[in-house]
Amino acid sequence: MPNEQISVFDIFKIGIGPSSSHTLGPWRAAQQFTNSLASQGVLNNVEQVKILLYGSLAKTGKGHGTDIAILLGLAGGDPVTFDVNAIDSTIAQIKTAQKLMLAGHLEINFSYPDDLIFLFTESLPFHPNAVTFQAFLNNGKAVSETYYSIGGGFVVKEGQDSSEKEQVELPFPVEKASELLHWCLTTGLKVSEIVMENEAAWRPEAETRKGILQHYQVIKECIYRGCHTAGFLPGGLDVARRAAKLNQRLIGDQTYTDYDSWTKAIRNGGTDFNYILDWVSCFALAVNEENAAFGRVVTAPTNGAAGVIPAVLQYFITFCDGYTEDKIIQFIACASEIGSIFKKGATISAAMGGCQAEIGVSSAMAAAALTECLGGSQRQVLMAAEIAMEHHLGLTCDPIGGLVQIPCIERNTMGAIKAITASQLALQSNPDKAKVSLDAVVNTMWETALDMNSKYKETSDGGLATNIPISLPEC
């Protein structure tokens, strides 16, 4: 997608779990549809709405909460602000009353089994994640629009270019890693500094910094909440949450009621290798257990991989003295640029590329960000991203029961650890001697995605999804 301009706030989005492509994207598509009806002046004339789900959205939609997200979006809810504790009661009310408050103010009849249709055997050619909305008006006419959730919460309306957004004149346009490196070496700027210069074309720097720190606030609240919430995840697999128990085992009997005192206590626990390894895993588990439980997370760059970057960032904050606003902003800004390169040159959609497009990309983003924040050169930053992705190539997406739980949650721990390892390798290496470039691995990832059998692309038609009994209680 040439000339696509991607902001840090396109790669990182605040939303609700469990999936950016199957939850956040369809939610945004539903909002766009009601906005479209309003702009056409027909919203108040709607008598009935039907929703048609295709491809991956149909096959794993219920496990990913696609139906829930669409109904909340049609009802006027916003994933950034909607009360996650009100999700179940709101959906239950819609199903029981058979009424939907369209756009939050127009009550229409709505039958969940009749008006929300899962077309399991049908797929549209542009992208596996497709949804068609049909609004039937009181004058006998109808409005139909199709949207594609292309990964990471990005949504494309049929007939529109996916890169359609406000075009600005970026001082440092980047499509490939080689172009990013060119700007870095020409100017002497770090990757994060290139990002911040480009962001200034959209808004003042103070607004960008504030926005990034707001996203970080959601991240740290998610980590803390996940590390202190026990129980079982919804969906029927009876998967026990593990982060809280691991946190308690590592932290001891003392109770810490806020993030800062808790983080300080972890830091004071030492630097033993196993201790740090356990905490990185705990951070990642915490975020993705929250994600699986329809909690509020930051898409980074997807929900299924939302624990990798927070886990590595929390590692940097806790064990590398990175707890400053400037360092946090630097970390997230650098990570966003790597994510945008993968989106432009390949995909961040598991329905298009398997889990390499989610965990692999997030691991590459985290590796690059950690490397820059630890003082690595621009070449070492790109090398770290390449190493991380190189060892995720071909990773399939095969969620058991269509739920973002097994193997998704544990894969975030693996992605985080690989990111840290990739960063350490890059920092101890001479990138001038590297045989594989980041652009080469992006191209390889895309070629692998094209070759990958569709049953390994978030359909639950292959892999673990078909070899593990749904009733199995273990995670």
Protein backbone atom coordinates (compact mmCIF):
# COMPACT_ATOMS: atom_id res chain seq x y z
CA MET A 1 0.00 0.00 0.00
CA PRO A 2 2.27 2.81 -1.26
CA ASN A 3 2.25 6.21 0.41
CA GLU A 4 0.25 4.96 3.38
CA GLN A 5 0.77 7.33 6.28
CA ILE A 6 0.62 5.58 9.64
CA SER A 7 0.73 7.38 12.97
CA VAL A 8 1.82 6.00 16.32
CA PHE A 9 -1.86 6.17 17.26
CA ASP A 10 -2.77 3.96 14.32
CA ILE A 11 -0.45 1.22 15.51
CA PHE A 12 -1.33 1.64 19.19
CA LYS A 13 -5.07 1.89 19.92
CA ILE A 14 -7.01 1.75 23.17
CA GLY A 15 -9.78 -0.81 22.99
CA ILE A 16 -11.45 -3.87 24.45
CA GLY A 17 -10.36 -7.49 24.00
CA PRO A 18 -10.09 -10.11 22.83
CA SER A 19 -9.16 -9.35 19.20
CA SER A 20 -8.21 -6.25 17.24
CA SER A 21 -9.31 -7.73 13.91
CA HIS A 22 -12.36 -9.60 15.21
CA THR A 23 -13.49 -7.29 18.03
CA LEU A 24 -12.08 -3.78 17.71
CA GLY A 25 -12.26 -3.66 13.90
CA PRO A 26 -15.88 -4.87 13.63
CA TRP A 27 -16.81 -2.52 16.49
CA ARG A 28 -15.35 0.40 14.53
CA ALA A 29 -17.03 -0.83 11.35
CA ALA A 30 -20.42 -0.81 13.11
CA GLN A 31 -19.77 2.74 14.29
CA GLN A 32 -18.79 3.79 10.78
CA PHE A 33 -21.99 2.25 9.41
CA THR A 34 -24.25 4.18 11.78
CA ASN A 35 -22.27 7.34 11.04
CA SER A 36 -22.76 6.67 7.33
CA LEU A 37 -26.52 6.28 7.82
CA ALA A 38 -26.57 9.56 9.71
CA SER A 39 -24.57 11.39 7.04
CA GLN A 40 -26.98 10.10 4.39
CA GLY A 41 -29.88 11.43 6.45
CA VAL A 42 -31.58 8.03 6.76
CA LEU A 43 -30.63 6.94 10.28
CA ASN A 44 -34.03 7.83 11.73
CA ASN A 45 -35.77 5.92 8.93
CA VAL A 46 -34.21 2.56 9.78
CA GLU A 47 -36.64 -0.19 10.79
CA GLN A 48 -34.37 -3.23 10.71
CA VAL A 49 -30.67 -4.06 10.55
CA LYS A 50 -29.06 -7.30 9.42
CA ILE A 51 -25.40 -8.20 9.79
CA LEU A 52 -23.63 -10.74 7.56
CA LEU A 53 -20.29 -12.13 8.76
CA TYR A 54 -17.94 -13.78 6.26
CA GLY A 55 -14.78 -15.86 6.33
CA SER A 56 -12.70 -15.73 9.50
CA LEU A 57 -15.16 -13.34 11.15
CA ALA A 58 -17.81 -16.04 10.80
CA LYS A 59 -15.67 -19.04 11.74
CA THR A 60 -14.11 -17.59 14.89
CA GLY A 61 -16.45 -14.66 15.44
CA LYS A 62 -18.21 -15.92 18.54
CA GLY A 63 -14.98 -16.95 20.21
CA HIS A 64 -13.47 -13.56 19.43
CA GLY A 65 -16.54 -11.57 20.50
CA THR A 66 -17.30 -10.26 17.00
CA ASP A 67 -21.03 -10.46 17.60
CA ILE A 68 -20.72 -8.61 20.91
CA ALA A 69 -18.51 -5.89 19.43
CA ILE A 70 -20.84 -5.25 16.50
CA LEU A 71 -23.92 -4.97 18.69
CA LEU A 72 -22.17 -2.57 21.06
CA GLY A 73 -20.91 -0.52 18.11
CA LEU A 74 -24.36 -0.34 16.50
CA ALA A 75 -25.77 0.70 19.88
CA GLY A 76 -23.44 3.70 20.05
CA GLY A 77 -20.82 2.36 22.44
CA ASP A 78 -17.15 3.26 22.00
CA PRO A 79 -14.38 0.76 22.80
CA VAL A 80 -12.18 3.45 24.37
CA THR A 81 -14.75 4.46 26.97
CA PHE A 82 -17.37 1.71 27.22
CA ASP A 83 -17.61 0.22 30.70
CA VAL A 84 -16.20 -3.31 30.36
CA ASN A 85 -18.25 -4.37 33.39
CA ALA A 86 -21.45 -3.54 31.49
CA ILE A 87 -20.76 -5.69 28.42
CA ASP A 88 -22.55 -8.84 29.54
CA SER A 89 -25.65 -7.06 30.84
CA THR A 90 -25.92 -4.88 27.73
CA ILE A 91 -25.77 -7.85 25.36
CA ALA A 92 -28.17 -9.87 27.51
CA GLN A 93 -30.66 -7.00 27.40
CA ILE A 94 -30.47 -6.81 23.59
CA LYS A 95 -31.01 -10.55 23.24
CA THR A 96 -33.83 -10.76 25.80
CA ALA A 97 -35.76 -7.66 24.76
CA GLN A 98 -35.05 -8.24 21.06
CA LYS A 99 -34.51 -4.50 20.77
CA LEU A 100 -31.45 -2.54 19.66
CA MET A 101 -30.94 1.14 20.39
CA LEU A 102 -29.35 2.07 17.05
CA ALA A 103 -26.65 4.73 17.44
CA GLY A 104 -27.77 5.09 21.04
CA HIS A 105 -31.15 6.73 20.36
CA LEU A 106 -33.31 4.90 17.79
CA GLU A 107 -34.98 1.73 19.09
CA ILE A 108 -35.50 -0.97 16.47
CA ASN A 109 -36.53 -4.60 16.61
CA PHE A 110 -33.56 -6.96 16.56
CA SER A 111 -33.45 -10.75 16.67
CA TYR A 112 -29.98 -12.07 17.48
CA PRO A 113 -30.44 -15.48 15.76
CA ASP A 114 -32.19 -14.03 12.70
CA ASP A 115 -30.49 -10.68 12.13
CA LEU A 116 -26.87 -11.59 12.91
CA ILE A 117 -25.85 -14.21 10.36
CA PHE A 118 -22.62 -16.25 10.38
CA LEU A 119 -21.79 -17.31 6.81
CA PHE A 120 -19.28 -20.01 7.71
CA THR A 121 -18.68 -21.25 4.17
CA GLU A 122 -18.55 -17.90 2.38
CA SER A 123 -15.65 -15.50 2.03
CA LEU A 124 -15.14 -12.24 0.14
CA PRO A 125 -12.06 -11.86 -2.07
CA PHE A 126 -10.52 -8.68 -0.66
CA HIS A 127 -9.90 -9.95 2.89
CA PRO A 128 -11.04 -12.88 5.07
CA ASN A 129 -12.43 -10.52 7.73
CA ALA A 130 -15.56 -9.12 6.05
CA VAL A 131 -18.87 -7.87 7.41
CA THR A 132 -21.85 -6.51 5.51
CA PHE A 133 -24.40 -4.28 7.22
CA GLN A 134 -27.90 -3.98 5.75
CA ALA A 135 -30.31 -1.29 6.94
CA PHE A 136 -33.93 -1.58 5.82
CA LEU A 137 -35.80 1.76 5.77
CA ASN A 138 -39.44 2.61 6.36
CA ASN A 139 -39.81 3.71 2.73
CA GLY A 140 -39.05 0.23 1.43
CA LYS A 141 -35.46 1.03 0.44
CA ALA A 142 -32.30 -0.44 1.91
CA VAL A 143 -28.70 0.64 2.52
CA SER A 144 -25.96 -1.98 2.34
CA GLU A 145 -22.26 -1.44 3.11
CA THR A 146 -19.39 -3.90 3.44
CA TYR A 147 -16.36 -3.38 5.66
CA TYR A 148 -13.10 -5.29 6.03
CA SER A 149 -11.22 -5.54 9.31
CA ILE A 150 -7.69 -5.81 7.98
CA GLY A 151 -5.81 -6.26 11.26
CA GLY A 152 -4.78 -4.17 14.22
CA GLY A 153 -8.16 -2.47 14.37
CA PHE A 154 -7.74 -0.97 10.90
CA VAL A 155 -10.98 -0.93 8.90
CA VAL A 156 -11.51 -0.46 5.16
CA LYS A 157 -14.90 0.23 3.61
CA GLU A 158 -15.52 -1.54 0.31
CA GLY A 159 -14.81 0.83 -2.54
CA GLN A 160 -12.40 2.95 -0.53
CA ASP A 161 -8.62 2.88 -0.49
CA SER A 162 -7.27 1.51 2.79
CA SER A 163 -4.82 4.42 2.92
CA GLU A 164 -7.55 7.04 2.72
CA LYS A 165 -6.97 9.41 5.62
CA GLU A 166 -5.82 12.94 6.08
CA GLN A 167 -2.70 13.30 3.98
CA VAL A 168 0.04 15.46 5.44
CA GLU A 169 3.53 16.32 4.31
CA LEU A 170 5.78 14.13 6.41
CA PRO A 171 9.36 15.34 6.77
CA PHE A 172 10.59 11.74 6.72
CA PRO A 173 8.27 9.49 4.68
CA VAL A 174 9.03 5.80 5.24
CA GLU A 175 7.77 2.76 3.39
CA LYS A 176 10.66 0.37 4.00
CA ALA A 177 13.32 -0.18 6.63
CA SER A 178 16.00 0.92 4.16
CA GLU A 179 14.31 4.31 3.85
CA LEU A 180 14.08 4.62 7.64
CA LEU A 181 17.77 3.83 7.95
CA HIS A 182 18.55 6.40 5.25
CA TRP A 183 16.80 9.15 7.20
CA CYS A 184 18.46 8.07 10.45
CA LEU A 185 21.96 8.05 9.00
CA THR A 186 21.44 11.27 7.03
CA THR A 187 20.13 13.23 10.01
CA GLY A 188 21.71 11.39 12.92
CA LEU A 189 18.26 11.03 14.48
CA LYS A 190 17.14 7.93 16.34
CA VAL A 191 14.16 5.95 15.05
CA SER A 192 11.96 7.38 17.79
CA GLU A 193 13.07 10.90 16.89
CA ILE A 194 12.16 10.33 13.23
CA VAL A 195 8.71 9.20 14.45
CA MET A 196 8.23 12.26 16.63
CA GLU A 197 9.22 14.57 13.77
CA ASN A 198 6.63 12.90 11.53
CA GLU A 199 3.98 13.00 14.24
CA ALA A 200 4.46 16.77 14.42
CA ALA A 201 2.95 16.98 10.94
CA TRP A 202 -0.36 15.85 12.46
CA ARG A 203 -0.35 17.59 15.85
CA PRO A 204 1.87 19.54 18.28
CA GLU A 205 4.53 17.49 20.07
CA ALA A 206 2.88 18.11 23.43
CA GLU A 207 -0.30 16.42 22.20
CA THR A 208 1.63 13.43 20.87
CA ARG A 209 3.47 13.01 24.16
CA LYS A 210 0.23 13.30 26.12
CA GLY A 211 -1.46 10.73 23.89
CA ILE A 212 1.38 8.23 24.19
CA LEU A 213 1.39 8.59 27.98
CA GLN A 214 -2.38 8.03 28.02
CA HIS A 215 -1.81 4.78 26.16
CA TYR A 216 0.90 3.86 28.64
CA GLN A 217 -1.51 4.55 31.50
CA VAL A 218 -3.88 1.95 30.03
CA ILE A 219 -0.98 -0.47 29.59
CA LYS A 220 0.22 -0.24 33.17
CA GLU A 221 -3.32 -0.45 34.56
CA CYS A 222 -3.86 -3.56 32.44
CA ILE A 223 -0.64 -5.20 33.67
CA TYR A 224 -1.42 -4.43 37.31
CA ARG A 225 -5.05 -5.53 37.03
CA GLY A 226 -4.11 -8.75 35.26
CA CYS A 227 -1.52 -9.57 37.90
CA HIS A 228 -4.11 -9.18 40.64
CA THR A 229 -7.17 -10.89 39.12
CA ALA A 230 -7.68 -14.62 39.65
CA GLY A 231 -10.36 -16.96 38.36
CA PHE A 232 -11.22 -18.50 35.01
CA LEU A 233 -11.49 -16.99 31.55
CA PRO A 234 -14.86 -16.87 29.77
CA GLY A 235 -15.65 -18.91 26.68
CA GLY A 236 -16.07 -22.48 27.88
CA LEU A 237 -12.48 -23.79 27.86
CA ASP A 238 -12.22 -23.34 31.64
CA VAL A 239 -8.77 -21.79 31.30
CA ALA A 240 -7.47 -20.70 34.70
CA ARG A 241 -5.82 -17.31 34.96
CA ARG A 242 -2.19 -17.76 35.98
CA ALA A 243 -0.71 -14.27 36.26
CA ALA A 244 -2.22 -13.55 39.68
CA LYS A 245 -0.91 -16.77 41.20
CA LEU A 246 2.51 -16.25 39.67
CA ASN A 247 2.56 -12.66 40.91
CA GLN A 248 1.68 -13.77 44.44
CA ARG A 249 4.33 -16.49 44.40
CA LEU A 250 7.01 -14.04 43.26
CA ILE A 251 6.03 -11.03 45.35
CA GLY A 252 5.40 -12.88 48.62
CA ASP A 253 2.83 -12.19 51.30
CA GLN A 254 3.05 -8.39 51.15
CA THR A 255 0.13 -6.60 49.46
CA TYR A 256 0.79 -3.62 47.20
CA THR A 257 -2.25 -1.53 46.37
CA ASP A 258 -0.81 0.56 43.55
CA TYR A 259 1.34 0.09 40.46
CA ASP A 260 4.32 2.17 41.63
CA SER A 261 4.85 0.43 44.98
CA TRP A 262 4.31 -2.94 43.31
CA THR A 263 6.89 -2.18 40.59
CA LYS A 264 9.38 -0.98 43.20
CA ALA A 265 8.92 -4.19 45.18
CA ILE A 266 9.56 -6.27 42.07
CA ARG A 267 12.71 -4.27 41.32
CA ASN A 268 13.95 -4.79 44.87
CA GLY A 269 13.58 -8.54 44.46
CA GLY A 270 16.88 -8.83 42.65
CA THR A 271 18.24 -9.67 39.22
CA ASP A 272 18.38 -13.45 39.25
CA PHE A 273 17.83 -14.76 35.73
CA ASN A 274 14.92 -17.04 36.61
CA TYR A 275 13.33 -14.29 38.68
CA ILE A 276 13.38 -11.84 35.77
CA LEU A 277 12.24 -14.52 33.33
CA ASP A 278 9.25 -15.34 35.53
CA TRP A 279 8.27 -11.70 35.79
CA VAL A 280 8.43 -11.10 32.04
CA SER A 281 6.15 -14.10 31.55
CA CYS A 282 3.87 -12.84 34.31
CA PHE A 283 3.53 -9.40 32.70
CA ALA A 284 2.64 -10.93 29.34
CA LEU A 285 0.19 -13.42 30.83
CA ALA A 286 -1.50 -10.64 32.78
CA VAL A 287 -2.23 -8.51 29.73
CA ASN A 288 -3.51 -11.31 27.56
CA GLU A 289 -5.65 -12.79 30.30
CA GLU A 290 -7.24 -9.36 30.60
CA ASN A 291 -7.61 -9.30 26.83
CA ALA A 292 -9.27 -12.73 26.78
CA ALA A 293 -11.67 -11.57 29.51
CA PHE A 294 -12.92 -8.60 27.44
CA GLY A 295 -10.78 -6.18 29.44
CA ARG A 296 -9.42 -2.83 28.27
CA VAL A 297 -6.05 -3.17 26.55
CA VAL A 298 -3.85 -1.33 24.10
CA THR A 299 -3.70 -2.93 20.65
CA ALA A 300 0.04 -3.39 20.12
CA PRO A 301 -0.23 -3.81 17.17
CA THR A 302 -3.04 -6.34 17.66
CA ASN A 303 -5.03 -7.57 20.64
CA GLY A 304 -3.93 -11.17 20.30
CA ALA A 305 -0.34 -9.95 20.66
CA ALA A 306 -1.15 -7.14 23.10
CA GLY A 307 1.03 -8.58 25.88
CA VAL A 308 4.41 -8.65 24.15
CA ILE A 309 5.23 -4.94 24.07
CA PRO A 310 3.80 -4.20 27.55
CA ALA A 311 5.83 -7.12 28.98
CA VAL A 312 9.08 -5.91 27.42
CA LEU A 313 8.32 -2.30 28.34
CA GLN A 314 7.60 -3.36 31.93
CA TYR A 315 10.86 -5.33 31.91
CA PHE A 316 12.68 -2.19 30.75
CA ILE A 317 10.97 -0.06 33.40
CA THR A 318 11.50 -2.52 36.24
CA PHE A 319 14.91 -4.01 35.58
CA CYS A 320 16.63 -1.46 33.32
CA ASP A 321 15.72 1.79 35.14
CA GLY A 322 13.47 2.92 32.30
CA TYR A 323 10.74 4.48 34.42
CA THR A 324 10.81 8.00 32.97
CA GLU A 325 8.30 9.67 30.69
CA ASP A 326 10.93 10.34 28.04
CA LYS A 327 12.05 6.71 27.96
CA ILE A 328 8.49 5.38 27.81
CA ILE A 329 7.66 7.74 24.93
CA GLN A 330 10.89 6.75 23.18
CA PHE A 331 10.06 3.05 23.55
CA ILE A 332 6.51 3.32 22.19
CA ALA A 333 7.47 5.70 19.37
CA CYS A 334 10.27 3.44 18.14
CA ALA A 335 8.07 0.35 18.34
CA SER A 336 5.33 2.02 16.30
CA GLU A 337 7.63 2.65 13.34
CA ILE A 338 8.64 -0.99 13.11
CA GLY A 339 4.97 -1.98 13.25
CA SER A 340 4.08 0.41 10.46
CA ILE A 341 6.84 -1.02 8.23
CA PHE A 342 5.38 -4.51 8.66
CA LYS A 343 1.87 -3.28 7.95
CA LYS A 344 2.99 -1.51 4.77
CA GLY A 345 5.21 -4.31 3.50
CA ALA A 346 3.34 -7.38 4.71
CA THR A 347 0.42 -7.62 7.15
CA ILE A 348 -0.48 -7.43 10.83
CA SER A 349 -3.59 -9.56 10.32
CA ALA A 350 -3.50 -13.19 11.48
CA ALA A 351 -6.37 -13.91 9.10
CA MET A 352 -4.01 -12.93 6.29
CA GLY A 353 -0.66 -14.13 7.58
CA GLY A 354 -1.05 -16.40 10.58
CA CYS A 355 0.34 -15.62 14.01
CA GLN A 356 3.67 -14.47 12.57
CA ALA A 357 1.71 -11.34 11.66
CA GLU A 358 0.75 -10.76 15.29
CA ILE A 359 3.24 -12.22 17.77
CA GLY A 360 6.07 -11.98 15.25
CA VAL A 361 5.45 -8.32 14.48
CA SER A 362 4.93 -7.36 18.12
CA SER A 363 8.16 -9.15 19.08
CA ALA A 364 10.05 -7.28 16.36
CA MET A 365 8.56 -3.99 17.55
CA ALA A 366 9.50 -4.68 21.16
CA ALA A 367 13.03 -5.82 20.26
CA ALA A 368 13.69 -2.66 18.29
CA ALA A 369 12.30 -0.38 20.99
CA LEU A 370 14.28 -2.05 23.77
CA THR A 371 17.46 -1.90 21.71
CA GLU A 372 17.14 1.82 21.08
CA CYS A 373 16.30 2.55 24.71
CA LEU A 374 19.34 0.57 25.86
CA GLY A 375 21.60 2.70 23.66
CA GLY A 376 21.79 0.65 20.49
CA SER A 377 22.61 2.28 17.17
CA GLN A 378 20.01 2.72 14.43
CA ARG A 379 21.43 -0.30 12.59
CA GLN A 380 21.28 -2.40 15.76
CA VAL A 381 17.65 -1.34 16.27
CA LEU A 382 16.68 -2.66 12.82
CA MET A 383 18.83 -5.74 13.35
CA ALA A 384 16.96 -6.55 16.58
CA ALA A 385 13.62 -6.28 14.78
CA GLU A 386 14.88 -8.56 12.02
CA ILE A 387 16.16 -11.19 14.45
CA ALA A 388 12.89 -11.27 16.36
CA MET A 389 10.76 -11.73 13.25
CA GLU A 390 13.16 -14.17 11.60
CA HIS A 391 12.44 -16.62 14.40
CA HIS A 392 8.68 -16.25 14.17
CA LEU A 393 8.41 -16.89 10.43
CA GLY A 394 5.69 -19.39 9.58
CA LEU A 395 3.98 -19.21 12.97
CA THR A 396 0.39 -20.33 12.48
CA CYS A 397 -2.79 -18.94 14.02
CA ASP A 398 -4.87 -21.86 15.29
CA PRO A 399 -6.89 -20.74 18.33
CA ILE A 400 -8.67 -23.58 20.08
CA GLY A 401 -12.42 -23.01 20.04
CA GLY A 402 -11.88 -19.74 18.20
CA LEU A 403 -10.92 -18.15 21.53
CA VAL A 404 -7.91 -15.88 22.03
CA GLN A 405 -6.64 -18.12 24.82
CA ILE A 406 -4.84 -21.30 23.72
CA PRO A 407 -2.14 -20.99 22.46
CA CYS A 408 -2.44 -17.21 22.17
CA ILE A 409 -1.80 -16.21 25.79
CA GLU A 410 1.39 -18.24 26.20
CA ARG A 411 2.64 -17.09 22.80
CA ASN A 412 2.86 -13.58 24.20
CA THR A 413 5.34 -14.78 26.80
CA MET A 414 7.41 -16.39 24.04
CA GLY A 415 7.26 -13.24 21.92
CA ALA A 416 8.40 -11.10 24.82
CA ILE A 417 11.33 -13.35 25.71
CA LYS A 418 12.39 -13.59 22.06
CA ALA A 419 12.26 -9.79 21.82
CA ILE A 420 14.63 -9.40 24.78
CA THR A 421 16.94 -12.07 23.37
CA ALA A 422 16.91 -10.44 19.93
CA SER A 423 17.76 -7.11 21.50
CA GLN A 424 20.68 -8.58 23.44
CA LEU A 425 21.99 -10.31 20.31
CA ALA A 426 21.79 -7.10 18.31
CA LEU A 427 23.50 -5.06 21.03
CA GLN A 428 26.36 -7.56 21.10
CA SER A 429 26.67 -7.78 17.31
CA ASN A 430 28.10 -5.76 14.46
CA PRO A 431 25.10 -5.06 12.19
CA ASP A 432 27.42 -4.36 9.26
CA LYS A 433 28.09 -8.10 9.14
CA ALA A 434 24.42 -9.12 9.20
CA LYS A 435 23.35 -11.32 6.30
CA VAL A 436 19.61 -10.64 6.56
CA SER A 437 18.05 -7.18 6.43
CA LEU A 438 14.77 -6.16 8.02
CA ASP A 439 13.29 -5.52 4.56
CA ALA A 440 14.26 -9.04 3.50
CA VAL A 441 12.50 -10.56 6.49
CA VAL A 442 9.40 -8.39 5.89
CA ASN A 443 9.26 -9.64 2.29
CA THR A 444 9.82 -13.21 3.44
CA MET A 445 7.06 -12.93 5.99
CA TRP A 446 4.62 -11.74 3.32
CA GLU A 447 5.63 -14.53 0.93
CA THR A 448 5.17 -17.02 3.75
CA ALA A 449 1.73 -15.55 4.46
CA LEU A 450 0.70 -15.98 0.84
CA ASP A 451 1.91 -19.60 0.84
CA MET A 452 0.31 -20.50 4.15
CA ASN A 453 -2.74 -22.75 4.05
CA SER A 454 -5.90 -20.86 4.99
CA LYS A 455 -6.68 -23.32 7.79
CA TYR A 456 -3.73 -21.85 9.70
CA LYS A 457 -5.01 -18.27 9.36
CA GLU A 458 -7.33 -17.68 12.30
CA THR A 459 -10.05 -20.03 11.11
CA SER A 460 -9.68 -22.71 13.81
CA ASP A 461 -9.79 -25.24 10.96
CA GLY A 462 -6.29 -26.64 11.56
CA GLY A 463 -3.38 -27.03 13.93
CA LEU A 464 -4.00 -27.12 17.66
CA ALA A 465 -7.59 -26.06 17.10
CA THR A 466 -8.40 -29.44 15.57
CA ASN A 467 -6.05 -31.63 17.59
CA ILE A 468 -6.91 -30.60 21.14
CA PRO A 469 -10.32 -31.56 22.60
CA ILE A 470 -12.39 -28.46 23.40
CA SER A 471 -13.14 -29.87 26.86
CA LEU A 472 -9.46 -30.04 27.84
CA PRO A 473 -9.11 -27.96 31.04
CA GLU A 474 -5.39 -27.28 30.89
CA CYS A 475 -3.91 -24.13 29.39
